[in-house]
C-alpha atoms as a PDB file:
ATOM      1  CA  MET A   1      -7.249 -21.486   6.970  1.00  0.00           C
ATOM      2  CA  LEU A   2      -9.952 -20.616   4.387  1.00  0.00           C
ATOM      3  CA  GLY A   3     -13.790 -21.152   5.392  1.00  0.00           C
ATOM      4  CA  LYS A   4     -16.725 -21.063   3.233  1.00  0.00           C
ATOM      5  CA  LYS A   5     -16.644 -18.081   0.562  1.00  0.00           C
ATOM      6  CA  LEU A   6     -19.382 -15.836   0.201  1.00  0.00           C
ATOM      7  CA  SER A   7     -21.001 -14.657  -3.097  1.00  0.00           C
ATOM      8  CA  GLY A   8     -19.288 -12.498  -4.994  1.00  0.00           C
ATOM      9  CA  ARG A   9     -22.067  -9.588  -5.332  1.00  0.00           C
ATOM     10  CA  SER A  10     -22.582 -10.078  -1.434  1.00  0.00           C
ATOM     11  CA  TRP A  11     -18.864  -8.070  -1.098  1.00  0.00           C
ATOM     12  CA  LEU A  12     -20.064  -5.345  -3.324  1.00  0.00           C
ATOM     13  CA  MET A  13     -20.424  -2.410  -0.384  1.00  0.00           C
ATOM     14  CA  LYS A  14     -17.812  -3.862   1.723  1.00  0.00           C
ATOM     15  CA  LYS A  15     -14.403  -2.583   3.021  1.00  0.00           C
ATOM     16  CA  THR A  16     -11.285  -4.785   2.013  1.00  0.00           C
ATOM     17  CA  VAL A  17     -10.337  -6.048   5.927  1.00  0.00           C
ATOM     18  CA  THR A  18      -8.707  -9.625   6.698  1.00  0.00           C
ATOM     19  CA  ASN A  19     -10.110 -11.414   9.252  1.00  0.00           C
ATOM     20  CA  ASP A  20      -7.696  -9.842  11.798  1.00  0.00           C
ATOM     21  CA  GLY A  21      -8.982  -6.039  11.468  1.00  0.00           C
ATOM     22  CA  HIS A  22      -6.380  -5.070   8.637  1.00  0.00           C
ATOM     23  CA  HIS A  23      -7.669  -2.927   5.961  1.00  0.00           C
ATOM     24  CA  VAL A  24      -6.172  -2.535   2.106  1.00  0.00           C
ATOM     25  CA  GLU A  25      -7.212  -0.699  -0.853  1.00  0.00           C
ATOM     26  CA  LEU A  26      -8.518  -2.911  -3.405  1.00  0.00           C
ATOM     27  CA  ALA A  27      -8.358  -0.664  -6.858  1.00  0.00           C
ATOM     28  CA  ALA A  28      -9.208  -0.912 -10.183  1.00  0.00           C
ATOM     29  CA  ASN A  29      -6.640  -0.569 -13.827  1.00  0.00           C
ATOM     30  CA  ILE A  30      -8.638   1.111 -16.287  1.00  0.00           C
ATOM     31  CA  GLY A  31      -7.851   2.186 -19.607  1.00  0.00           C
ATOM     32  CA  THR A  32     -10.989   4.931 -20.814  1.00  0.00           C
ATOM     33  CA  PRO A  33     -13.934   6.663 -18.900  1.00  0.00           C
ATOM     34  CA  LYS A  34     -16.079   3.571 -20.277  1.00  0.00           C
ATOM     35  CA  ASP A  35     -14.334   1.532 -17.765  1.00  0.00           C
ATOM     36  CA  LEU A  36     -15.850   3.343 -14.815  1.00  0.00           C
ATOM     37  CA  GLU A  37     -18.777   1.332 -14.883  1.00  0.00           C
ATOM     38  CA  GLY A  38     -17.346  -2.011 -14.598  1.00  0.00           C
ATOM     39  CA  VAL A  39     -15.130  -0.417 -11.581  1.00  0.00           C
ATOM     40  CA  HIS A  40     -18.294   0.193  -9.850  1.00  0.00           C
ATOM     41  CA  GLN A  41     -19.961  -3.185 -10.567  1.00  0.00           C
ATOM     42  CA  ASN A  42     -17.455  -4.814  -8.898  1.00  0.00           C
ATOM     43  CA  GLY A  43     -17.025  -2.544  -5.808  1.00  0.00           C
ATOM     44  CA  GLY A  44     -13.878  -0.773  -6.676  1.00  0.00           C
ATOM     45  CA  GLU A  45     -12.372   1.858  -3.731  1.00  0.00           C
ATOM     46  CA  GLY A  46     -10.294   3.666  -6.609  1.00  0.00           C
ATOM     47  CA  ILE A  47      -8.365   3.745  -9.558  1.00  0.00           C
ATOM     48  CA  GLY A  48      -4.973   2.078  -9.022  1.00  0.00           C
ATOM     49  CA  LEU A  49      -3.933   2.493 -12.809  1.00  0.00           C
ATOM     50  CA  TYR A  50      -5.381   4.921 -15.513  1.00  0.00           C
ATOM     51  CA  ARG A  51      -3.503   3.713 -18.471  1.00  0.00           C
ATOM     52  CA  THR A  52      -3.617   6.658 -20.487  1.00  0.00           C
ATOM     53  CA  GLU A  53      -1.713   5.731 -23.511  1.00  0.00           C
ATOM     54  CA  PHE A  54      -5.541   4.239 -24.852  1.00  0.00           C
ATOM     55  CA  LEU A  55      -6.436   8.295 -25.222  1.00  0.00           C
ATOM     56  CA  TYR A  56      -3.376   8.368 -27.921  1.00  0.00           C
ATOM     57  CA  MET A  57      -4.271   5.251 -29.664  1.00  0.00           C
ATOM     58  CA  GLY A  58      -6.588   4.001 -32.391  1.00  0.00           C
ATOM     59  CA  ARG A  59      -6.514   7.700 -34.029  1.00  0.00           C
ATOM     60  CA  ASN A  60      -4.584   9.654 -36.430  1.00  0.00           C
ATOM     61  CA  ASP A  61      -3.263  12.545 -34.191  1.00  0.00           C
ATOM     62  CA  PHE A  62      -2.435  13.259 -30.780  1.00  0.00           C
ATOM     63  CA  PRO A  63      -5.796  13.863 -28.886  1.00  0.00           C
ATOM     64  CA  SER A  64      -5.703  17.539 -27.779  1.00  0.00           C
ATOM     65  CA  GLU A  65      -5.077  19.312 -24.133  1.00  0.00           C
ATOM     66  CA  GLU A  66      -9.640  19.904 -24.260  1.00  0.00           C
ATOM     67  CA  GLU A  67     -10.158  16.035 -25.271  1.00  0.00           C
ATOM     68  CA  GLN A  68      -7.733  15.130 -22.601  1.00  0.00           C
ATOM     69  CA  PHE A  69      -8.594  17.336 -19.627  1.00  0.00           C
ATOM     70  CA  GLU A  70     -12.586  15.678 -20.742  1.00  0.00           C
ATOM     71  CA  ALA A  71     -11.416  12.577 -20.049  1.00  0.00           C
ATOM     72  CA  TYR A  72      -9.543  12.862 -17.158  1.00  0.00           C
ATOM     73  CA  LYS A  73     -12.279  15.488 -15.707  1.00  0.00           C
ATOM     74  CA  ALA A  74     -15.000  12.272 -16.401  1.00  0.00           C
ATOM     75  CA  VAL A  75     -12.837   9.738 -14.611  1.00  0.00           C
ATOM     76  CA  LEU A  76     -11.978  11.757 -11.618  1.00  0.00           C
ATOM     77  CA  GLU A  77     -15.987  12.802 -10.943  1.00  0.00           C
ATOM     78  CA  GLY A  78     -16.980   9.187 -11.700  1.00  0.00           C
ATOM     79  CA  MET A  79     -14.781   8.062  -9.240  1.00  0.00           C
ATOM     80  CA  SER A  80     -16.838  10.455  -6.417  1.00  0.00           C
ATOM     81  CA  GLY A  81     -13.762  11.802  -4.272  1.00  0.00           C
ATOM     82  CA  LYS A  82     -12.065   7.927  -4.269  1.00  0.00           C
ATOM     83  CA  PRO A  83      -8.158   7.673  -5.344  1.00  0.00           C
ATOM     84  CA  VAL A  84      -7.468   8.017  -8.950  1.00  0.00           C
ATOM     85  CA  VAL A  85      -4.109   7.480  -9.821  1.00  0.00           C
ATOM     86  CA  VAL A  86      -3.219   8.475 -13.695  1.00  0.00           C
ATOM     87  CA  ARG A  87      -0.282   7.236 -15.369  1.00  0.00           C
ATOM     88  CA  THR A  88       1.586   9.419 -17.766  1.00  0.00           C
ATOM     89  CA  LEU A  89       2.011   8.661 -21.388  1.00  0.00           C
ATOM     90  CA  ASP A  90       3.628   4.959 -21.170  1.00  0.00           C
ATOM     91  CA  ILE A  91       3.862   4.448 -25.315  1.00  0.00           C
ATOM     92  CA  GLY A  92       7.188   2.657 -27.100  1.00  0.00           C
ATOM     93  CA  GLY A  93       8.201  -0.713 -26.442  1.00  0.00           C
ATOM     94  CA  ASP A  94       5.030  -2.676 -27.909  1.00  0.00           C
ATOM     95  CA  LYS A  95       2.958   0.173 -28.130  1.00  0.00           C
ATOM     96  CA  GLU A  96       2.915   2.454 -30.887  1.00  0.00           C
ATOM     97  CA  LEU A  97       1.895   5.243 -32.485  1.00  0.00           C
ATOM     98  CA  PRO A  98       1.448   6.037 -36.177  1.00  0.00           C
ATOM     99  CA  TYR A  99       1.732   9.316 -36.264  1.00  0.00           C
ATOM    100  CA  LEU A 100       4.726   9.466 -33.787  1.00  0.00           C
ATOM    101  CA  GLU A 101       7.619   8.090 -36.401  1.00  0.00           C
ATOM    102  CA  LEU A 102      10.085   6.623 -33.588  1.00  0.00           C
ATOM    103  CA  PRO A 103      13.044   5.403 -34.314  1.00  0.00           C
ATOM    104  CA  LYS A 104      13.351   1.285 -35.024  1.00  0.00           C
ATOM    105  CA  GLU A 105      15.140  -0.424 -32.144  1.00  0.00           C
ATOM    106  CA  MET A 106      16.901  -3.916 -31.382  1.00  0.00           C
ATOM    107  CA  ASN A 107      14.776  -3.921 -28.053  1.00  0.00           C
ATOM    108  CA  PRO A 108      12.302  -1.435 -27.223  1.00  0.00           C
ATOM    109  CA  PHE A 109      10.953  -2.966 -24.301  1.00  0.00           C
ATOM    110  CA  LEU A 110      14.744  -1.454 -23.220  1.00  0.00           C
ATOM    111  CA  GLY A 111      14.691   1.394 -25.201  1.00  0.00           C
ATOM    112  CA  TYR A 112      13.264   5.151 -25.860  1.00  0.00           C
ATOM    113  CA  ARG A 113       9.621   4.801 -24.583  1.00  0.00           C
ATOM    114  CA  ALA A 114       7.323   5.999 -21.488  1.00  0.00           C
ATOM    115  CA  ILE A 115       9.206   8.971 -19.348  1.00  0.00           C
ATOM    116  CA  ARG A 116      11.875   8.575 -21.378  1.00  0.00           C
ATOM    117  CA  LEU A 117       9.992   9.874 -24.752  1.00  0.00           C
ATOM    118  CA  CYS A 118       8.656  11.838 -22.606  1.00  0.00           C
ATOM    119  CA  LEU A 119      11.119  14.153 -21.163  1.00  0.00           C
ATOM    120  CA  ASN A 120      12.834  14.461 -24.692  1.00  0.00           C
ATOM    121  CA  GLU A 121       9.320  15.441 -26.397  1.00  0.00           C
ATOM    122  CA  GLN A 122       8.659  17.587 -23.674  1.00  0.00           C
ATOM    123  CA  GLU A 123       5.181  18.992 -25.559  1.00  0.00           C
ATOM    124  CA  ILE A 124       3.575  16.332 -25.827  1.00  0.00           C
ATOM    125  CA  PHE A 125       4.149  15.837 -22.131  1.00  0.00           C
ATOM    126  CA  ARG A 126       3.554  19.699 -21.174  1.00  0.00           C
ATOM    127  CA  THR A 127      -0.392  18.851 -22.708  1.00  0.00           C
ATOM    128  CA  GLN A 128      -1.002  15.969 -20.661  1.00  0.00           C
ATOM    129  CA  LEU A 129       0.063  17.450 -17.681  1.00  0.00           C
ATOM    130  CA  ARG A 130      -1.631  20.701 -18.217  1.00  0.00           C
ATOM    131  CA  ALA A 131      -5.014  18.546 -18.796  1.00  0.00           C
ATOM    132  CA  LEU A 132      -4.227  16.616 -15.842  1.00  0.00           C
ATOM    133  CA  LEU A 133      -3.880  19.596 -13.256  1.00  0.00           C
ATOM    134  CA  ARG A 134      -6.700  21.296 -15.042  1.00  0.00           C
ATOM    135  CA  ALA A 135      -8.855  18.039 -13.802  1.00  0.00           C
ATOM    136  CA  SER A 136      -7.156  17.526 -10.571  1.00  0.00           C
ATOM    137  CA  ILE A 137      -9.875  20.104  -8.993  1.00  0.00           C
ATOM    138  CA  TYR A 138     -12.708  17.693  -9.681  1.00  0.00           C
ATOM    139  CA  GLY A 139     -11.468  14.828  -7.553  1.00  0.00           C
ATOM    140  CA  ASP A 140      -8.513  12.512  -5.756  1.00  0.00           C
ATOM    141  CA  LEU A 141      -5.994  12.746  -8.473  1.00  0.00           C
ATOM    142  CA  LYS A 142      -2.703  10.921  -8.004  1.00  0.00           C
ATOM    143  CA  ILE A 143       0.274  11.356 -10.904  1.00  0.00           C
ATOM    144  CA  MET A 144       2.283   8.486 -11.303  1.00  0.00           C
ATOM    145  CA  PHE A 145       5.509   8.613 -13.785  1.00  0.00           C
ATOM    146  CA  PRO A 146       6.297   5.065 -15.654  1.00  0.00           C
ATOM    147  CA  MET A 147       9.986   3.677 -16.768  1.00  0.00           C
ATOM    148  CA  ILE A 148      11.909   5.687 -13.424  1.00  0.00           C
ATOM    149  CA  ALA A 149      14.917   3.855 -13.655  1.00  0.00           C
ATOM    150  CA  THR A 150      17.062   6.834 -11.954  1.00  0.00           C
ATOM    151  CA  LEU A 151      16.321   9.757  -9.410  1.00  0.00           C
ATOM    152  CA  ALA A 152      17.210  12.558 -12.269  1.00  0.00           C
ATOM    153  CA  GLU A 153      14.719  11.313 -13.757  1.00  0.00           C
ATOM    154  CA  PHE A 154      12.179  11.724 -11.133  1.00  0.00           C
ATOM    155  CA  ARG A 155      12.979  15.115 -10.963  1.00  0.00           C
ATOM    156  CA  GLU A 156      13.099  16.057 -14.133  1.00  0.00           C
ATOM    157  CA  ALA A 157       9.572  15.061 -14.673  1.00  0.00           C
ATOM    158  CA  LYS A 158       8.265  16.644 -11.326  1.00  0.00           C
ATOM    159  CA  ALA A 159      10.238  19.844 -12.078  1.00  0.00           C
ATOM    160  CA  VAL A 160       7.862  20.040 -15.987  1.00  0.00           C
ATOM    161  CA  LEU A 161       4.965  19.174 -13.367  1.00  0.00           C
ATOM    162  CA  ALA A 162       5.877  22.246 -10.888  1.00  0.00           C
ATOM    163  CA  GLU A 163       6.545  24.864 -14.222  1.00  0.00           C
ATOM    164  CA  VAL A 164       2.997  23.766 -15.884  1.00  0.00           C
ATOM    165  CA  ARG A 165       1.675  24.145 -12.790  1.00  0.00           C
ATOM    166  CA  GLN A 166       2.678  27.439 -12.087  1.00  0.00           C
ATOM    167  CA  GLU A 167       2.059  28.485 -15.812  1.00  0.00           C
ATOM    168  CA  LEU A 168      -1.623  27.678 -14.983  1.00  0.00           C
ATOM    169  CA  LEU A 169      -1.844  29.550 -11.600  1.00  0.00           C
ATOM    170  CA  ASP A 170      -0.157  32.648 -13.005  1.00  0.00           C
ATOM    171  CA  ASN A 171      -3.076  32.144 -15.964  1.00  0.00           C
ATOM    172  CA  GLY A 172      -5.456  32.352 -13.421  1.00  0.00           C
ATOM    173  CA  ILE A 173      -6.488  28.567 -13.822  1.00  0.00           C
ATOM    174  CA  GLN A 174      -7.468  26.763 -10.615  1.00  0.00           C
ATOM    175  CA  VAL A 175      -5.694  23.352  -9.499  1.00  0.00           C
ATOM    176  CA  ALA A 176      -5.864  21.011  -6.785  1.00  0.00           C
ATOM    177  CA  GLU A 177      -3.483  22.257  -3.423  1.00  0.00           C
ATOM    178  CA  LYS A 178      -2.659  18.830  -2.828  1.00  0.00           C
ATOM    179  CA  ILE A 179      -1.921  16.360  -5.825  1.00  0.00           C
ATOM    180  CA  GLU A 180       0.475  13.437  -4.406  1.00  0.00           C
ATOM    181  CA  VAL A 181       3.055  12.307  -7.291  1.00  0.00           C
ATOM    182  CA  GLY A 182       4.532   9.028  -7.560  1.00  0.00           C
ATOM    183  CA  ILE A 183       6.154   6.663  -9.833  1.00  0.00           C
ATOM    184  CA  MET A 184       5.969   3.305 -11.212  1.00  0.00           C
ATOM    185  CA  VAL A 185       8.708   0.605  -9.654  1.00  0.00           C
ATOM    186  CA  GLU A 186       9.337  -1.722 -12.535  1.00  0.00           C
ATOM    187  CA  ILE A 187      13.478  -1.190 -13.129  1.00  0.00           C
ATOM    188  CA  PRO A 188      15.520  -3.538 -10.556  1.00  0.00           C
ATOM    189  CA  SER A 189      17.686  -0.537 -10.149  1.00  0.00           C
ATOM    190  CA  THR A 190      14.793   1.343  -8.976  1.00  0.00           C
ATOM    191  CA  ALA A 191      13.487  -1.121  -6.528  1.00  0.00           C
ATOM    192  CA  VAL A 192      16.805  -1.377  -5.150  1.00  0.00           C
ATOM    193  CA  MET A 193      17.339   2.291  -4.830  1.00  0.00           C
ATOM    194  CA  ALA A 194      13.699   2.863  -3.434  1.00  0.00           C
ATOM    195  CA  ASP A 195      14.765   3.825   0.252  1.00  0.00           C
ATOM    196  CA  ILE A 196      16.392   7.314  -1.674  1.00  0.00           C
ATOM    197  CA  PHE A 197      13.386   7.577  -4.018  1.00  0.00           C
ATOM    198  CA  ALA A 198      10.913   6.727  -0.739  1.00  0.00           C
ATOM    199  CA  LYS A 199      12.744  10.174   0.514  1.00  0.00           C
ATOM    200  CA  GLU A 200      10.794  12.172  -2.450  1.00  0.00           C
ATOM    201  CA  VAL A 201       7.939  10.666  -4.310  1.00  0.00           C
ATOM    202  CA  ASP A 202       4.509  10.434  -2.190  1.00  0.00           C
ATOM    203  CA  PHE A 203       3.940   6.792  -3.536  1.00  0.00           C
ATOM    204  CA  PHE A 204       5.007   4.004  -5.222  1.00  0.00           C
ATOM    205  CA  SER A 205       2.816   1.899  -7.390  1.00  0.00           C
ATOM    206  CA  ILE A 206       4.855  -1.463  -8.111  1.00  0.00           C
ATOM    207  CA  GLY A 207       4.582  -2.636 -11.889  1.00  0.00           C
ATOM    208  CA  THR A 208       5.296  -6.168 -11.845  1.00  0.00           C
ATOM    209  CA  ASN A 209       4.360  -7.635 -15.300  1.00  0.00           C
ATOM    210  CA  ASP A 210       7.663  -5.130 -16.192  1.00  0.00           C
ATOM    211  CA  LEU A 211       9.729  -5.642 -12.679  1.00  0.00           C
ATOM    212  CA  ILE A 212       9.524  -9.201 -13.638  1.00  0.00           C
ATOM    213  CA  GLN A 213      11.077  -9.741 -17.635  1.00  0.00           C
ATOM    214  CA  TYR A 214      13.669  -7.294 -15.836  1.00  0.00           C
ATOM    215  CA  THR A 215      14.749  -8.895 -13.065  1.00  0.00           C
ATOM    216  CA  MET A 216      14.354 -12.569 -14.857  1.00  0.00           C
ATOM    217  CA  ALA A 217      16.215 -10.666 -18.057  1.00  0.00           C
ATOM    218  CA  ALA A 218      13.127 -12.803 -20.258  1.00  0.00           C
ATOM    219  CA  ASP A 219      10.878 -11.126 -22.635  1.00  0.00           C
ATOM    220  CA  ARG A 220       7.470 -12.347 -20.910  1.00  0.00           C
ATOM    221  CA  MET A 221       5.877 -12.410 -24.941  1.00  0.00           C
ATOM    222  CA  ASN A 222       8.809 -15.141 -26.297  1.00  0.00           C
ATOM    223  CA  GLU A 223       7.467 -18.550 -25.563  1.00  0.00           C
ATOM    224  CA  ARG A 224      10.903 -20.040 -25.485  1.00  0.00           C
ATOM    225  CA  VAL A 225      12.155 -17.968 -22.120  1.00  0.00           C
ATOM    226  CA  SER A 226       8.042 -18.027 -21.286  1.00  0.00           C
ATOM    227  CA  TYR A 227       9.045 -19.876 -17.950  1.00  0.00           C
ATOM    228  CA  LEU A 228      11.000 -17.385 -16.711  1.00  0.00           C
ATOM    229  CA  TYR A 229       8.184 -15.294 -15.705  1.00  0.00           C
ATOM    230  CA  GLN A 230       7.491 -16.072 -12.474  1.00  0.00           C
ATOM    231  CA  PRO A 231       5.787 -13.892 -10.275  1.00  0.00           C
ATOM    232  CA  TYR A 232       6.819 -15.849  -7.239  1.00  0.00           C
ATOM    233  CA  ASN A 233      10.110 -15.907  -7.589  1.00  0.00           C
ATOM    234  CA  PRO A 234      11.938 -15.224  -4.494  1.00  0.00           C
ATOM    235  CA  ALA A 235      13.960 -12.981  -6.117  1.00  0.00           C
ATOM    236  CA  ILE A 236      10.906 -10.928  -7.220  1.00  0.00           C
ATOM    237  CA  LEU A 237       9.518 -11.407  -4.055  1.00  0.00           C
ATOM    238  CA  ARG A 238      12.373  -9.551  -1.690  1.00  0.00           C
ATOM    239  CA  LEU A 239      12.290  -6.840  -4.509  1.00  0.00           C
ATOM    240  CA  VAL A 240       8.816  -6.214  -3.540  1.00  0.00           C
ATOM    241  CA  LYS A 241       9.450  -6.446  -0.105  1.00  0.00           C
ATOM    242  CA  MET A 242      12.307  -3.689  -0.428  1.00  0.00           C
ATOM    243  CA  VAL A 243      10.047  -1.184  -1.806  1.00  0.00           C
ATOM    244  CA  ILE A 244       7.010  -1.313   0.617  1.00  0.00           C
ATOM    245  CA  ASP A 245       9.659  -1.618   3.304  1.00  0.00           C
ATOM    246  CA  ALA A 246      11.111   1.438   1.799  1.00  0.00           C
ATOM    247  CA  ALA A 247       8.228   3.365   1.718  1.00  0.00           C
ATOM    248  CA  HIS A 248       6.761   2.376   5.429  1.00  0.00           C
ATOM    249  CA  LYS A 249      10.044   3.729   6.399  1.00  0.00           C
ATOM    250  CA  GLU A 250       9.068   7.534   4.950  1.00  0.00           C
ATOM    251  CA  GLY A 251       6.004   7.243   5.862  1.00  0.00           C
ATOM    252  CA  LYS A 252       4.314   6.824   2.302  1.00  0.00           C
ATOM    253  CA  TRP A 253       2.457   4.391   0.773  1.00  0.00           C
ATOM    254  CA  ALA A 254       3.353   1.176  -1.462  1.00  0.00           C
ATOM    255  CA  GLY A 255       0.934  -0.277  -4.306  1.00  0.00           C
ATOM    256  CA  MET A 256       0.576  -2.587  -6.578  1.00  0.00           C
ATOM    257  CA  CYS A 257      -0.861  -2.604 -10.240  1.00  0.00           C
ATOM    258  CA  GLY A 258       1.016  -5.484 -12.436  1.00  0.00           C
ATOM    259  CA  GLU A 259      -1.460  -8.682 -12.863  1.00  0.00           C
ATOM    260  CA  MET A 260       0.534  -9.969  -9.725  1.00  0.00           C
ATOM    261  CA  ALA A 261      -1.952  -7.911  -7.338  1.00  0.00           C
ATOM    262  CA  GLY A 262      -5.170 -10.043  -8.041  1.00  0.00           C
ATOM    263  CA  ASP A 263      -3.359 -13.065  -8.001  1.00  0.00           C
ATOM    264  CA  GLU A 264      -4.957 -15.431  -5.459  1.00  0.00           C
ATOM    265  CA  VAL A 265      -1.340 -17.405  -4.909  1.00  0.00           C
ATOM    266  CA  ALA A 266       0.727 -13.878  -4.756  1.00  0.00           C
ATOM    267  CA  ILE A 267      -2.268 -11.945  -2.492  1.00  0.00           C
ATOM    268  CA  PRO A 268      -1.350 -13.830   0.416  1.00  0.00           C
ATOM    269  CA  ILE A 269       1.970 -12.996   0.338  1.00  0.00           C
ATOM    270  CA  LEU A 270       1.785  -9.374  -0.370  1.00  0.00           C
ATOM    271  CA  ILE A 271      -0.443  -8.890   2.442  1.00  0.00           C
ATOM    272  CA  GLY A 272       1.883 -10.328   4.696  1.00  0.00           C
ATOM    273  CA  LEU A 273       4.642  -7.972   3.251  1.00  0.00           C
ATOM    274  CA  GLY A 274       2.496  -5.187   3.617  1.00  0.00           C
ATOM    275  CA  LEU A 275       1.417  -3.377   0.659  1.00  0.00           C
ATOM    276  CA  ASP A 276      -1.300  -0.738   0.905  1.00  0.00           C
ATOM    277  CA  GLU A 277      -3.046  -1.071  -2.117  1.00  0.00           C
ATOM    278  CA  PHE A 278      -3.937  -3.494  -4.515  1.00  0.00           C
ATOM    279  CA  SER A 279      -4.708  -2.596  -8.059  1.00  0.00           C
ATOM    280  CA  MET A 280      -6.183  -5.219 -10.589  1.00  0.00           C
ATOM    281  CA  SER A 281      -8.986  -5.858 -13.654  1.00  0.00           C
ATOM    282  CA  ALA A 282     -11.935  -4.785 -11.957  1.00  0.00           C
ATOM    283  CA  THR A 283     -13.495  -8.308 -12.458  1.00  0.00           C
ATOM    284  CA  SER A 284     -11.067  -9.354  -9.813  1.00  0.00           C
ATOM    285  CA  ILE A 285     -12.047  -7.378  -6.939  1.00  0.00           C
ATOM    286  CA  LEU A 286     -14.492  -9.102  -5.489  1.00  0.00           C
ATOM    287  CA  LYS A 287     -12.890 -12.408  -5.519  1.00  0.00           C
ATOM    288  CA  ALA A 288     -10.029 -10.837  -4.204  1.00  0.00           C
ATOM    289  CA  ARG A 289     -11.996  -9.014  -1.149  1.00  0.00           C
ATOM    290  CA  SER A 290     -13.373 -12.044  -0.199  1.00  0.00           C
ATOM    291  CA  LEU A 291      -9.986 -14.257  -0.318  1.00  0.00           C
ATOM    292  CA  ILE A 292      -8.598 -11.228   1.718  1.00  0.00           C
ATOM    293  CA  SER A 293     -11.468 -11.217   4.453  1.00  0.00           C
ATOM    294  CA  GLN A 294     -10.347 -15.117   5.467  1.00  0.00           C
ATOM    295  CA  LEU A 295      -6.266 -14.118   5.675  1.00  0.00           C
ATOM    296  CA  SER A 296      -4.860 -13.128   9.196  1.00  0.00           C
ATOM    297  CA  LEU A 297      -2.544 -10.344   8.486  1.00  0.00           C
ATOM    298  CA  GLU A 298      -0.055 -11.843  11.265  1.00  0.00           C
ATOM    299  CA  GLU A 299      -0.498 -15.520   9.813  1.00  0.00           C
ATOM    300  CA  MET A 300       0.604 -14.240   6.362  1.00  0.00           C
ATOM    301  CA  LYS A 301       3.392 -11.804   8.102  1.00  0.00           C
ATOM    302  CA  LYS A 302       4.820 -15.100   8.959  1.00  0.00           C
ATOM    303  CA  LEU A 303       4.289 -16.897   5.858  1.00  0.00           C
ATOM    304  CA  SER A 304       5.747 -14.124   3.809  1.00  0.00           C
ATOM    305  CA  GLN A 305       9.066 -14.769   5.903  1.00  0.00           C
ATOM    306  CA  GLU A 306       8.657 -18.057   4.889  1.00  0.00           C
ATOM    307  CA  VAL A 307       8.684 -17.806   1.338  1.00  0.00           C
ATOM    308  CA  LEU A 308      11.658 -15.268   1.221  1.00  0.00           C
ATOM    309  CA  GLY A 309      13.693 -17.770   2.416  1.00  0.00           C
ATOM    310  CA  LEU A 310      12.655 -20.548  -0.018  1.00  0.00           C
ATOM    311  CA  ASP A 311      14.922 -21.452  -3.073  1.00  0.00           C
ATOM    312  CA  THR A 312      12.429 -21.715  -6.226  1.00  0.00           C
ATOM    313  CA  ASN A 313       9.195 -20.046  -7.647  1.00  0.00           C
ATOM    314  CA  ASP A 314       7.137 -23.592  -7.237  1.00  0.00           C
ATOM    315  CA  ASN A 315       7.837 -23.983  -3.735  1.00  0.00           C
ATOM    316  CA  VAL A 316       6.825 -20.868  -2.572  1.00  0.00           C
ATOM    317  CA  LYS A 317       3.532 -21.692  -4.590  1.00  0.00           C
ATOM    318  CA  GLU A 318       3.153 -24.786  -2.851  1.00  0.00           C
ATOM    319  CA  ALA A 319       3.954 -23.240   0.541  1.00  0.00           C
ATOM    320  CA  VAL A 320       1.102 -20.796   0.199  1.00  0.00           C
ATOM    321  CA  VAL A 321      -1.369 -23.454  -1.090  1.00  0.00           C
ATOM    322  CA  ASN A 322      -0.394 -25.815   1.677  1.00  0.00           C
ATOM    323  CA  ALA A 323      -1.102 -22.898   4.319  1.00  0.00           C
ATOM    324  CA  LEU A 324      -4.239 -21.827   2.931  1.00  0.00           C
ATOM    325  CA  LYS A 325      -5.112 -25.225   3.289  1.00  0.00           C
ATOM    326  CA  LYS A 326      -4.861 -25.550   7.091  1.00  0.00           C
END
């Protein structure tokens, strides 16, 4: 199936299109404005995940609203109108702040973190949202809430966002008219309820790193159970399909910002499942674009349906590898 690959640099200015004309977006994951250079050098079509927690790390106190505003503005301006998906503060789990005293937990990955912390510590949350909304006029901002487990959490977060927006407008501060608001899908309950969430969100971005470990009940940092970190397991693929199908049914888009998005075995399956946006390390973009250009959407649809019916991670991987050899 796959022909001769062109050199990486030859894909820099090309769109990401399958050999039968289907376009998808290849975006980059970043942590700071300094990462934009790598995005441009590798032909990124947008930012699919801006990990804002790096603004809060390696310091002795919370970043001010003005510091955050300048960082968000720099990224939006630097992308020249291309989409920028900003994830609100995702602290907790393996990411701790020395100046934020959090209770010690037996299982911090399943504990007080991300949106759970932000909804409880609302001044932290509102400061970030004010900075984001002020910066929104400088580019195509999309706001994404992490670790959403219930519809009530999303509604509360969106209500806080609406309040902050109105406060800014009442004070004569300009805010972009249209800002898409979405969620990361990294908890199995959210994937299962994707059809309900899809009626209220503007987009989904599937965070496979956590989705896999939560679905398989296996800490990905634990070497003894690392064998259960299986991105091609049919259980994971079925959850991904549920999310994409739910989004499309409501006319919304679905992306992926976990490591799986840049995985050469996963990409053909994800193309077949209809994923709209792939966000990955900037250095993976050109290789992924080259691979996608050699795939047929129609053939990948058939392949994805085939692997959904298989029984193991290894059998799925084998099926994809064999299909790409034909």
